[in-house]
Amino acid sequence: MQAFFQALNFNPWTFLFQTLNLLVVMWLLYVFLYKPVGKVLADREARIEGNLNDAAAAREKAENILAEYRQQLQGARQEAQSILDRATKMAEETRAEIINRAREEAERTLAQARKEIEGEKSKALAAIRSEAASLAILAAGKVLERSLTPDDQERLVREALAEVERLQ
């Protein structure tokens, strides 16, 4: 086996120093390189994780605000529709009230006109009766060619009035 080690040019002291040297370098790399790099990577991972959590929280907050705005918009739309409905209802009520007032005014005016027409008709009929009575007396006086007594005049007036009323 020694021949084998000599064929490989193997020196146990060199091997020991190289092994020791390798262990020291590994320990130095571990202490000065691996730990700080691991710490930097862990910090970076934690920072990225925090940023992701912050982004998720911001997204959730934005979604909540969006939902709140949508709800407010829906409420505003409903309120606007309610206002429009109330305005339409008020307009209809006002229109109906104006129509009713106009109808009542027209009925009052029509009743007033009918009353005036009835009064004028009564006056005209009274005038016609009076004129007819006078004409009847005059005609009767001419027919009889004589002077009538007051009793005859009264009887002729009554007969003429009865005739005029019958004709109406």
Protein backbone atom coordinates (compact mmCIF):
# COMPACT_ATOMS: atom_id res chain seq x y z
CA MET A 1 0.00 0.00 0.00
CA GLN A 2 3.00 2.16 0.58
CA ALA A 3 3.92 1.54 -3.02
CA PHE A 4 0.51 2.71 -3.97
CA PHE A 5 0.96 5.95 -1.95
CA GLN A 6 4.39 6.49 -3.47
CA ALA A 7 2.98 5.95 -6.94
CA LEU A 8 0.46 8.69 -6.20
CA ASN A 9 3.15 10.83 -4.60
CA PHE A 10 1.12 11.01 -1.41
CA ASN A 11 2.61 12.80 1.60
CA PRO A 12 0.57 12.43 4.80
CA TRP A 13 1.82 15.73 6.25
CA THR A 14 0.88 17.62 3.14
CA PHE A 15 -2.46 15.91 3.15
CA LEU A 16 -2.98 16.91 6.79
CA PHE A 17 -2.00 20.53 6.15
CA GLN A 18 -4.18 20.69 3.06
CA THR A 19 -7.11 19.25 4.99
CA LEU A 20 -6.52 21.69 7.83
CA ASN A 21 -6.14 24.51 5.32
CA LEU A 22 -9.41 23.46 3.62
CA LEU A 23 -11.25 23.39 6.97
CA VAL A 24 -9.92 26.86 7.92
CA VAL A 25 -10.92 28.29 4.51
CA MET A 26 -14.36 26.69 4.80
CA TRP A 27 -14.77 28.09 8.30
CA LEU A 28 -13.65 31.55 7.14
CA LEU A 29 -16.01 31.38 4.14
CA TYR A 30 -18.79 30.25 6.44
CA VAL A 31 -18.20 33.06 8.96
CA PHE A 32 -17.37 35.90 6.57
CA LEU A 33 -19.36 34.97 3.49
CA TYR A 34 -22.10 32.43 4.08
CA LYS A 35 -23.59 33.99 7.25
CA PRO A 36 -23.67 37.58 5.91
CA VAL A 37 -24.98 36.47 2.52
CA GLY A 38 -27.56 34.28 4.27
CA LYS A 39 -28.52 37.20 6.48
CA VAL A 40 -28.78 39.52 3.45
CA LEU A 41 -30.91 36.94 1.62
CA ALA A 42 -33.11 36.41 4.70
CA ASP A 43 -33.53 40.18 5.11
CA ARG A 44 -34.33 40.53 1.42
CA GLU A 45 -36.82 37.67 1.61
CA ALA A 46 -38.45 39.27 4.67
CA ARG A 47 -38.58 42.66 2.93
CA ILE A 48 -40.11 41.10 -0.21
CA GLU A 49 -42.60 39.22 1.95
CA GLY A 50 -43.46 42.47 3.76
CA ASN A 51 -43.87 44.28 0.46
CA LEU A 52 -46.13 41.51 -0.80
CA ASN A 53 -48.18 41.72 2.40
CA ASP A 54 -48.34 45.52 2.07
CA ALA A 55 -49.38 45.18 -1.56
CA ALA A 56 -52.07 42.66 -0.62
CA ALA A 57 -53.31 44.96 2.16
CA ALA A 58 -53.29 47.94 -0.22
CA ARG A 59 -55.17 45.92 -2.82
CA GLU A 60 -57.74 44.83 -0.25
CA LYS A 61 -58.10 48.43 0.94
CA ALA A 62 -58.51 49.59 -2.67
CA GLU A 63 -61.15 46.92 -3.27
CA ASN A 64 -62.98 48.01 -0.10
CA ILE A 65 -62.85 51.65 -1.19
CA LEU A 66 -64.06 50.66 -4.65
CA ALA A 67 -66.92 48.67 -3.14
CA GLU A 68 -67.77 51.63 -0.89
CA TYR A 69 -67.73 54.02 -3.87
CA ARG A 70 -69.92 51.66 -5.84
CA GLN A 71 -72.33 51.49 -2.92
CA GLN A 72 -72.35 55.29 -2.63
CA LEU A 73 -72.90 55.57 -6.37
CA GLN A 74 -75.78 53.12 -6.15
CA GLY A 75 -77.22 55.13 -3.24
CA ALA A 76 -76.85 58.34 -5.24
CA ARG A 77 -78.60 56.72 -8.21
CA GLN A 78 -81.43 55.56 -5.99
CA GLU A 79 -81.70 59.00 -4.41
CA ALA A 80 -81.74 60.63 -7.85
CA GLN A 81 -84.45 58.23 -8.99
CA SER A 82 -86.41 58.97 -5.81
CA ILE A 83 -86.09 62.71 -6.47
CA LEU A 84 -87.25 62.21 -10.05
CA ASP A 85 -90.19 60.12 -8.87
CA ARG A 86 -91.17 62.75 -6.30
CA ALA A 87 -90.83 65.53 -8.89
CA THR A 88 -92.97 63.57 -11.35
CA LYS A 89 -95.57 62.92 -8.67
CA MET A 90 -95.59 66.58 -7.63
CA ALA A 91 -95.92 67.63 -11.28
CA GLU A 92 -98.85 65.26 -11.75
CA GLU A 93 -100.49 66.53 -8.57
CA THR A 94 -99.95 70.14 -9.64
CA ARG A 95 -101.31 69.40 -13.10
CA ALA A 96 -104.38 67.70 -11.62
CA GLU A 97 -104.88 70.59 -9.20
CA ILE A 98 -104.61 73.16 -12.00
CA ILE A 99 -107.06 71.18 -14.13
CA ASN A 100 -109.48 70.89 -11.20
CA ARG A 101 -109.23 74.62 -10.48
CA ALA A 102 -109.77 75.44 -14.15
CA ARG A 103 -112.73 73.07 -14.29
CA GLU A 104 -114.24 74.61 -11.14
CA GLU A 105 -113.67 78.12 -12.51
CA ALA A 106 -115.29 77.11 -15.81
CA GLU A 107 -118.24 75.63 -13.96
CA ARG A 108 -118.62 78.79 -11.86
CA THR A 109 -118.38 80.95 -14.97
CA LEU A 110 -120.89 78.74 -16.76
CA ALA A 111 -123.26 78.84 -13.77
CA GLN A 112 -122.88 82.63 -13.58
CA ALA A 113 -123.57 82.91 -17.32
CA ARG A 114 -126.62 80.65 -17.02
CA LYS A 115 -127.88 82.71 -14.10
CA GLU A 116 -127.39 85.93 -16.08
CA ILE A 117 -129.06 84.38 -19.13
CA GLU A 118 -131.96 83.22 -16.97
CA GLY A 119 -132.30 86.73 -15.48
CA GLU A 120 -132.16 88.36 -18.89
CA LYS A 121 -134.65 85.80 -20.18
CA SER A 122 -137.02 86.59 -17.32
CA LYS A 123 -136.67 90.33 -17.97
CA ALA A 124 -137.23 89.81 -21.68
CA LEU A 125 -140.28 87.63 -21.03
CA ALA A 126 -141.66 90.22 -18.61
CA ALA A 127 -141.10 92.94 -21.17
CA ILE A 128 -142.69 90.79 -23.89
CA ARG A 129 -145.68 90.07 -21.62
CA SER A 130 -146.08 93.72 -20.82
CA GLU A 131 -145.74 94.67 -24.48
CA ALA A 132 -148.09 91.85 -25.52
CA ALA A 133 -150.63 92.97 -22.92
CA SER A 134 -150.41 96.56 -24.11
CA LEU A 135 -150.73 95.42 -27.73
CA ALA A 136 -153.61 93.15 -26.83
CA ILE A 137 -155.42 96.03 -25.09
CA LEU A 138 -154.72 98.35 -27.96
CA ALA A 139 -155.84 95.75 -30.47
CA ALA A 140 -158.91 94.95 -28.45
CA GLY A 141 -159.69 98.67 -28.14
CA LYS A 142 -159.39 99.12 -31.88
CA VAL A 143 -161.49 96.07 -32.54
CA LEU A 144 -164.19 97.22 -30.25
CA GLU A 145 -163.71 100.85 -31.21
CA ARG A 146 -164.81 101.92 -27.94
CA SER A 147 -163.35 102.76 -24.60
CA LEU A 148 -162.83 99.86 -22.20
CA THR A 149 -163.58 99.97 -18.57
CA PRO A 150 -160.85 99.17 -16.07
CA ASP A 151 -162.44 95.74 -15.40
CA ASP A 152 -162.44 94.96 -19.13
CA GLN A 153 -158.79 96.03 -19.38
CA GLU A 154 -157.78 93.81 -16.46
CA ARG A 155 -159.64 90.82 -17.93
CA LEU A 156 -158.03 91.31 -21.34
CA VAL A 157 -154.54 91.60 -19.76
CA ARG A 158 -155.04 88.32 -17.87
CA GLU A 159 -156.21 86.58 -21.01
CA ALA A 160 -153.28 87.93 -23.01
CA LEU A 161 -150.81 86.85 -20.33
CA ALA A 162 -152.31 83.38 -20.21
CA GLU A 163 -152.04 83.18 -24.00
CA VAL A 164 -148.38 84.28 -23.95
CA GLU A 165 -147.54 81.75 -21.21
CA ARG A 166 -149.27 79.06 -23.18
CA LEU A 167 -147.18 79.86 -26.23
CA GLN A 168 -143.94 79.48 -24.30
